[in-house]
Amino acid sequence: MKRIVPFTLKTFGRLDYAFNNAGISGENRLLTNQTEKTFDRVFAVNVKTLFLLLQDEVRQMMTKGQGGLFVNTASVGGRLAFPTAGPTWPANTPCLA
């Protein structure tokens, strides 16, 4: 992931906008049968990855003093809660506006 912004700069010379889409759903089990390991993995991919990537993108855009545009997507799992959603719902909710 740390290579995304440098690769973009090397390839295109600048970063004006970013479309961020990272997500996994975890295990299809009832909440009572979910594991902490799965919960941690889903949050690491769906939330932490987005956070770290946005940091790198914003830092780069700020060096140019121009700002930029961000589009962050999430699964429909962020809008729908169902018995086997596990950590999918709370891990996608931060991306929704």
N, C-alpha and C. Protein backbone atom coordinates (compact mmCIF):
# COMPACT_ATOMS: atom_id res chain seq x y z
N MET A 1 0.81 -1.19 0.00
CA MET A 1 0.00 0.00 0.00
C MET A 1 0.86 1.26 0.00
N LYS A 2 1.96 1.24 0.67
CA LYS A 2 2.84 2.41 0.74
C LYS A 2 3.42 2.77 -0.63
N ARG A 3 3.26 1.89 -1.61
CA ARG A 3 3.81 2.15 -2.94
C ARG A 3 2.82 2.82 -3.88
N ILE A 4 1.57 2.94 -3.45
CA ILE A 4 0.54 3.46 -4.35
C ILE A 4 0.79 4.91 -4.76
N VAL A 5 1.00 5.79 -3.79
CA VAL A 5 1.21 7.20 -4.12
C VAL A 5 2.52 7.40 -4.89
N PRO A 6 3.64 6.81 -4.45
CA PRO A 6 4.87 6.95 -5.26
C PRO A 6 4.72 6.41 -6.68
N PHE A 7 4.02 5.30 -6.84
CA PHE A 7 3.78 4.74 -8.18
C PHE A 7 2.97 5.72 -9.03
N THR A 8 1.95 6.30 -8.42
CA THR A 8 1.12 7.27 -9.13
C THR A 8 1.94 8.47 -9.59
N LEU A 9 2.79 8.97 -8.70
CA LEU A 9 3.63 10.13 -9.06
C LEU A 9 4.62 9.78 -10.16
N LYS A 10 5.20 8.59 -10.07
CA LYS A 10 6.16 8.16 -11.10
C LYS A 10 5.47 8.00 -12.45
N THR A 11 4.27 7.46 -12.43
CA THR A 11 3.54 7.17 -13.67
C THR A 11 2.90 8.42 -14.28
N PHE A 12 2.27 9.24 -13.45
CA PHE A 12 1.48 10.37 -13.96
C PHE A 12 2.06 11.75 -13.62
N GLY A 13 3.04 11.79 -12.73
CA GLY A 13 3.67 13.06 -12.39
C GLY A 13 2.99 13.87 -11.31
N ARG A 14 1.75 13.54 -10.97
CA ARG A 14 1.02 14.28 -9.94
C ARG A 14 -0.19 13.47 -9.47
N LEU A 15 -0.79 13.93 -8.38
CA LEU A 15 -1.97 13.29 -7.83
C LEU A 15 -3.03 14.36 -7.61
N ASP A 16 -4.08 14.33 -8.40
CA ASP A 16 -5.15 15.32 -8.31
C ASP A 16 -6.42 14.76 -7.68
N TYR A 17 -6.65 13.48 -7.85
CA TYR A 17 -7.84 12.85 -7.29
C TYR A 17 -7.54 11.39 -6.97
N ALA A 18 -8.36 10.84 -6.09
CA ALA A 18 -8.16 9.44 -5.69
C ALA A 18 -9.50 8.75 -5.53
N PHE A 19 -9.58 7.56 -6.02
CA PHE A 19 -10.74 6.69 -5.84
C PHE A 19 -10.26 5.53 -4.98
N ASN A 20 -10.74 5.47 -3.75
CA ASN A 20 -10.29 4.46 -2.80
C ASN A 20 -11.39 3.43 -2.57
N ASN A 21 -11.04 2.18 -2.81
CA ASN A 21 -12.00 1.09 -2.66
C ASN A 21 -11.27 -0.11 -2.09
N ALA A 22 -11.43 -0.33 -0.80
CA ALA A 22 -10.80 -1.48 -0.15
C ALA A 22 -11.83 -2.14 0.74
N GLY A 23 -11.96 -3.43 0.65
CA GLY A 23 -12.92 -4.07 1.53
C GLY A 23 -12.98 -5.57 1.40
N ILE A 24 -13.20 -6.19 2.53
CA ILE A 24 -13.47 -7.63 2.59
C ILE A 24 -14.67 -7.81 3.50
N SER A 25 -15.32 -8.96 3.41
CA SER A 25 -16.54 -9.16 4.20
C SER A 25 -16.35 -10.04 5.42
N GLY A 26 -15.27 -10.74 5.52
CA GLY A 26 -15.11 -11.61 6.68
C GLY A 26 -15.85 -12.92 6.50
N GLU A 27 -16.24 -13.51 7.60
CA GLU A 27 -16.89 -14.82 7.58
C GLU A 27 -18.40 -14.68 7.60
N ASN A 28 -19.08 -15.55 6.91
CA ASN A 28 -20.53 -15.56 6.86
C ASN A 28 -21.06 -16.39 8.03
N ARG A 29 -21.01 -15.79 9.20
CA ARG A 29 -21.44 -16.48 10.43
C ARG A 29 -22.27 -15.52 11.28
N LEU A 30 -23.03 -16.09 12.19
CA LEU A 30 -23.75 -15.26 13.14
C LEU A 30 -22.76 -14.48 13.99
N LEU A 31 -23.16 -13.33 14.46
CA LEU A 31 -22.30 -12.49 15.28
C LEU A 31 -21.74 -13.27 16.47
N THR A 32 -22.55 -14.11 17.07
CA THR A 32 -22.10 -14.88 18.23
C THR A 32 -21.02 -15.89 17.89
N ASN A 33 -20.85 -16.20 16.62
CA ASN A 33 -19.83 -17.16 16.18
C ASN A 33 -18.65 -16.50 15.48
N GLN A 34 -18.62 -15.19 15.43
CA GLN A 34 -17.51 -14.48 14.80
C GLN A 34 -16.28 -14.53 15.70
N THR A 35 -15.12 -14.50 15.11
CA THR A 35 -13.89 -14.51 15.89
C THR A 35 -13.29 -13.10 15.93
N GLU A 36 -12.53 -12.85 16.96
CA GLU A 36 -11.85 -11.56 17.07
C GLU A 36 -10.82 -11.40 15.95
N LYS A 37 -10.23 -12.51 15.54
CA LYS A 37 -9.25 -12.47 14.45
C LYS A 37 -9.90 -11.96 13.16
N THR A 38 -11.09 -12.45 12.86
CA THR A 38 -11.81 -11.99 11.67
C THR A 38 -12.19 -10.53 11.81
N PHE A 39 -12.68 -10.16 12.97
CA PHE A 39 -13.04 -8.76 13.23
C PHE A 39 -11.85 -7.84 12.98
N ASP A 40 -10.70 -8.20 13.54
CA ASP A 40 -9.49 -7.38 13.39
C ASP A 40 -9.06 -7.29 11.93
N ARG A 41 -9.15 -8.39 11.21
CA ARG A 41 -8.75 -8.40 9.80
C ARG A 41 -9.67 -7.52 8.95
N VAL A 42 -10.97 -7.64 9.16
CA VAL A 42 -11.93 -6.83 8.40
C VAL A 42 -11.70 -5.34 8.67
N PHE A 43 -11.50 -4.98 9.93
CA PHE A 43 -11.26 -3.57 10.25
C PHE A 43 -9.92 -3.09 9.71
N ALA A 44 -8.92 -3.95 9.72
CA ALA A 44 -7.61 -3.57 9.18
C ALA A 44 -7.71 -3.24 7.69
N VAL A 45 -8.45 -4.05 6.95
CA VAL A 45 -8.58 -3.82 5.51
C VAL A 45 -9.57 -2.69 5.22
N ASN A 46 -10.75 -2.74 5.81
CA ASN A 46 -11.82 -1.82 5.44
C ASN A 46 -11.67 -0.41 6.03
N VAL A 47 -11.06 -0.29 7.19
CA VAL A 47 -10.97 1.01 7.85
C VAL A 47 -9.53 1.52 7.89
N LYS A 48 -8.63 0.72 8.42
CA LYS A 48 -7.25 1.19 8.58
C LYS A 48 -6.57 1.44 7.24
N THR A 49 -6.79 0.57 6.27
CA THR A 49 -6.20 0.77 4.94
C THR A 49 -6.65 2.09 4.34
N LEU A 50 -7.94 2.37 4.43
CA LEU A 50 -8.47 3.63 3.91
C LEU A 50 -7.84 4.82 4.64
N PHE A 51 -7.76 4.74 5.95
CA PHE A 51 -7.16 5.81 6.76
C PHE A 51 -5.72 6.09 6.34
N LEU A 52 -4.91 5.05 6.25
CA LEU A 52 -3.50 5.22 5.90
C LEU A 52 -3.31 5.72 4.47
N LEU A 53 -4.12 5.21 3.57
CA LEU A 53 -4.02 5.65 2.18
C LEU A 53 -4.42 7.12 2.04
N LEU A 54 -5.49 7.50 2.70
CA LEU A 54 -5.91 8.91 2.67
C LEU A 54 -4.82 9.82 3.24
N GLN A 55 -4.16 9.38 4.30
CA GLN A 55 -3.06 10.19 4.85
C GLN A 55 -2.00 10.44 3.79
N ASP A 56 -1.56 9.39 3.12
CA ASP A 56 -0.53 9.54 2.08
C ASP A 56 -1.01 10.44 0.94
N GLU A 57 -2.25 10.25 0.53
CA GLU A 57 -2.79 11.05 -0.58
C GLU A 57 -2.90 12.52 -0.20
N VAL A 58 -3.42 12.80 0.99
CA VAL A 58 -3.57 14.18 1.44
C VAL A 58 -2.20 14.85 1.58
N ARG A 59 -1.25 14.15 2.17
CA ARG A 59 0.10 14.72 2.31
C ARG A 59 0.67 15.13 0.95
N GLN A 60 0.51 14.25 -0.03
CA GLN A 60 1.02 14.55 -1.36
C GLN A 60 0.31 15.74 -1.97
N MET A 61 -0.99 15.78 -1.86
CA MET A 61 -1.75 16.89 -2.44
C MET A 61 -1.41 18.21 -1.75
N MET A 62 -1.15 18.16 -0.46
CA MET A 62 -0.81 19.38 0.28
C MET A 62 0.55 19.94 -0.14
N THR A 63 1.46 19.09 -0.58
CA THR A 63 2.77 19.58 -1.01
C THR A 63 2.65 20.47 -2.24
N LYS A 64 1.61 20.28 -3.01
CA LYS A 64 1.39 21.09 -4.22
C LYS A 64 0.54 22.32 -3.93
N GLY A 65 -0.07 22.36 -2.74
CA GLY A 65 -0.88 23.51 -2.37
C GLY A 65 -2.13 23.70 -3.19
N GLN A 66 -2.64 22.62 -3.78
CA GLN A 66 -3.81 22.75 -4.65
C GLN A 66 -5.03 21.99 -4.16
N GLY A 67 -4.89 21.09 -3.23
CA GLY A 67 -6.01 20.27 -2.81
C GLY A 67 -6.27 19.16 -3.81
N GLY A 68 -7.42 18.54 -3.70
CA GLY A 68 -7.75 17.44 -4.60
C GLY A 68 -9.12 16.89 -4.31
N LEU A 69 -9.45 15.80 -4.94
CA LEU A 69 -10.76 15.17 -4.82
C LEU A 69 -10.59 13.73 -4.37
N PHE A 70 -11.46 13.30 -3.45
CA PHE A 70 -11.43 11.92 -2.96
C PHE A 70 -12.80 11.29 -3.10
N VAL A 71 -12.83 10.06 -3.57
CA VAL A 71 -14.03 9.26 -3.59
C VAL A 71 -13.69 7.97 -2.86
N ASN A 72 -14.38 7.72 -1.75
CA ASN A 72 -14.17 6.51 -0.97
C ASN A 72 -15.44 5.67 -1.02
N THR A 73 -15.31 4.44 -1.44
CA THR A 73 -16.49 3.60 -1.56
C THR A 73 -16.53 2.56 -0.45
N ALA A 74 -17.73 2.06 -0.22
CA ALA A 74 -17.94 1.03 0.80
C ALA A 74 -18.96 0.03 0.26
N SER A 75 -19.00 -1.08 0.90
CA SER A 75 -19.96 -2.13 0.54
C SER A 75 -21.37 -1.73 0.95
N VAL A 76 -22.34 -2.30 0.29
CA VAL A 76 -23.73 -2.12 0.71
C VAL A 76 -23.90 -2.65 2.13
N GLY A 77 -22.96 -3.47 2.58
CA GLY A 77 -22.98 -3.97 3.95
C GLY A 77 -22.91 -2.86 4.98
N GLY A 78 -22.50 -1.68 4.58
CA GLY A 78 -22.48 -0.54 5.48
C GLY A 78 -23.86 0.05 5.72
N ARG A 79 -24.81 -0.30 4.89
CA ARG A 79 -26.18 0.19 5.02
C ARG A 79 -27.14 -0.87 5.56
N LEU A 80 -26.78 -2.11 5.36
CA LEU A 80 -27.68 -3.20 5.75
C LEU A 80 -27.06 -4.04 6.86
N ALA A 81 -27.81 -4.24 7.90
CA ALA A 81 -27.35 -5.14 8.96
C ALA A 81 -28.16 -6.43 8.84
N PHE A 82 -27.49 -7.55 8.91
CA PHE A 82 -28.18 -8.83 8.86
C PHE A 82 -27.44 -9.80 9.77
N PRO A 83 -28.08 -10.89 10.19
CA PRO A 83 -27.52 -11.76 11.23
C PRO A 83 -26.11 -12.28 10.97
N THR A 84 -25.75 -12.50 9.71
CA THR A 84 -24.43 -13.06 9.43
C THR A 84 -23.44 -12.01 8.92
N ALA A 85 -23.75 -10.74 9.10
CA ALA A 85 -22.87 -9.68 8.61
C ALA A 85 -21.57 -9.60 9.38
N GLY A 86 -21.59 -10.00 10.63
CA GLY A 86 -20.38 -9.92 11.45
C GLY A 86 -19.84 -8.51 11.47
N PRO A 87 -18.52 -8.35 11.25
CA PRO A 87 -17.92 -7.03 11.30
C PRO A 87 -18.08 -6.21 10.03
N THR A 88 -18.76 -6.75 9.02
CA THR A 88 -18.90 -6.03 7.75
C THR A 88 -19.64 -4.71 7.93
N TRP A 89 -20.74 -4.71 8.64
CA TRP A 89 -21.53 -3.49 8.80
C TRP A 89 -20.73 -2.38 9.48
N PRO A 90 -20.18 -2.60 10.68
CA PRO A 90 -19.45 -1.49 11.31
C PRO A 90 -18.17 -1.10 10.57
N ALA A 91 -17.57 -2.01 9.82
CA ALA A 91 -16.34 -1.69 9.11
C ALA A 91 -16.59 -0.87 7.85
N ASN A 92 -17.78 -0.90 7.32
CA ASN A 92 -18.10 -0.12 6.12
C ASN A 92 -18.79 1.20 6.44
N THR A 93 -19.38 1.30 7.61
CA THR A 93 -20.11 2.49 7.98
C THR A 93 -19.27 3.76 7.95
N PRO A 94 -17.98 3.76 8.34
CA PRO A 94 -17.20 5.01 8.30
C PRO A 94 -17.09 5.64 6.91
N CYS A 95 -17.27 4.88 5.86
CA CYS A 95 -17.15 5.42 4.50
C CYS A 95 -18.42 6.09 4.02
N LEU A 96 -19.50 5.89 4.72
CA LEU A 96 -20.79 6.40 4.25
C LEU A 96 -21.03 7.81 4.73
N ALA A 97 -21.59 8.61 3.86
CA ALA A 97 -21.90 10.00 4.23
C ALA A 97 -23.40 10.18 4.30
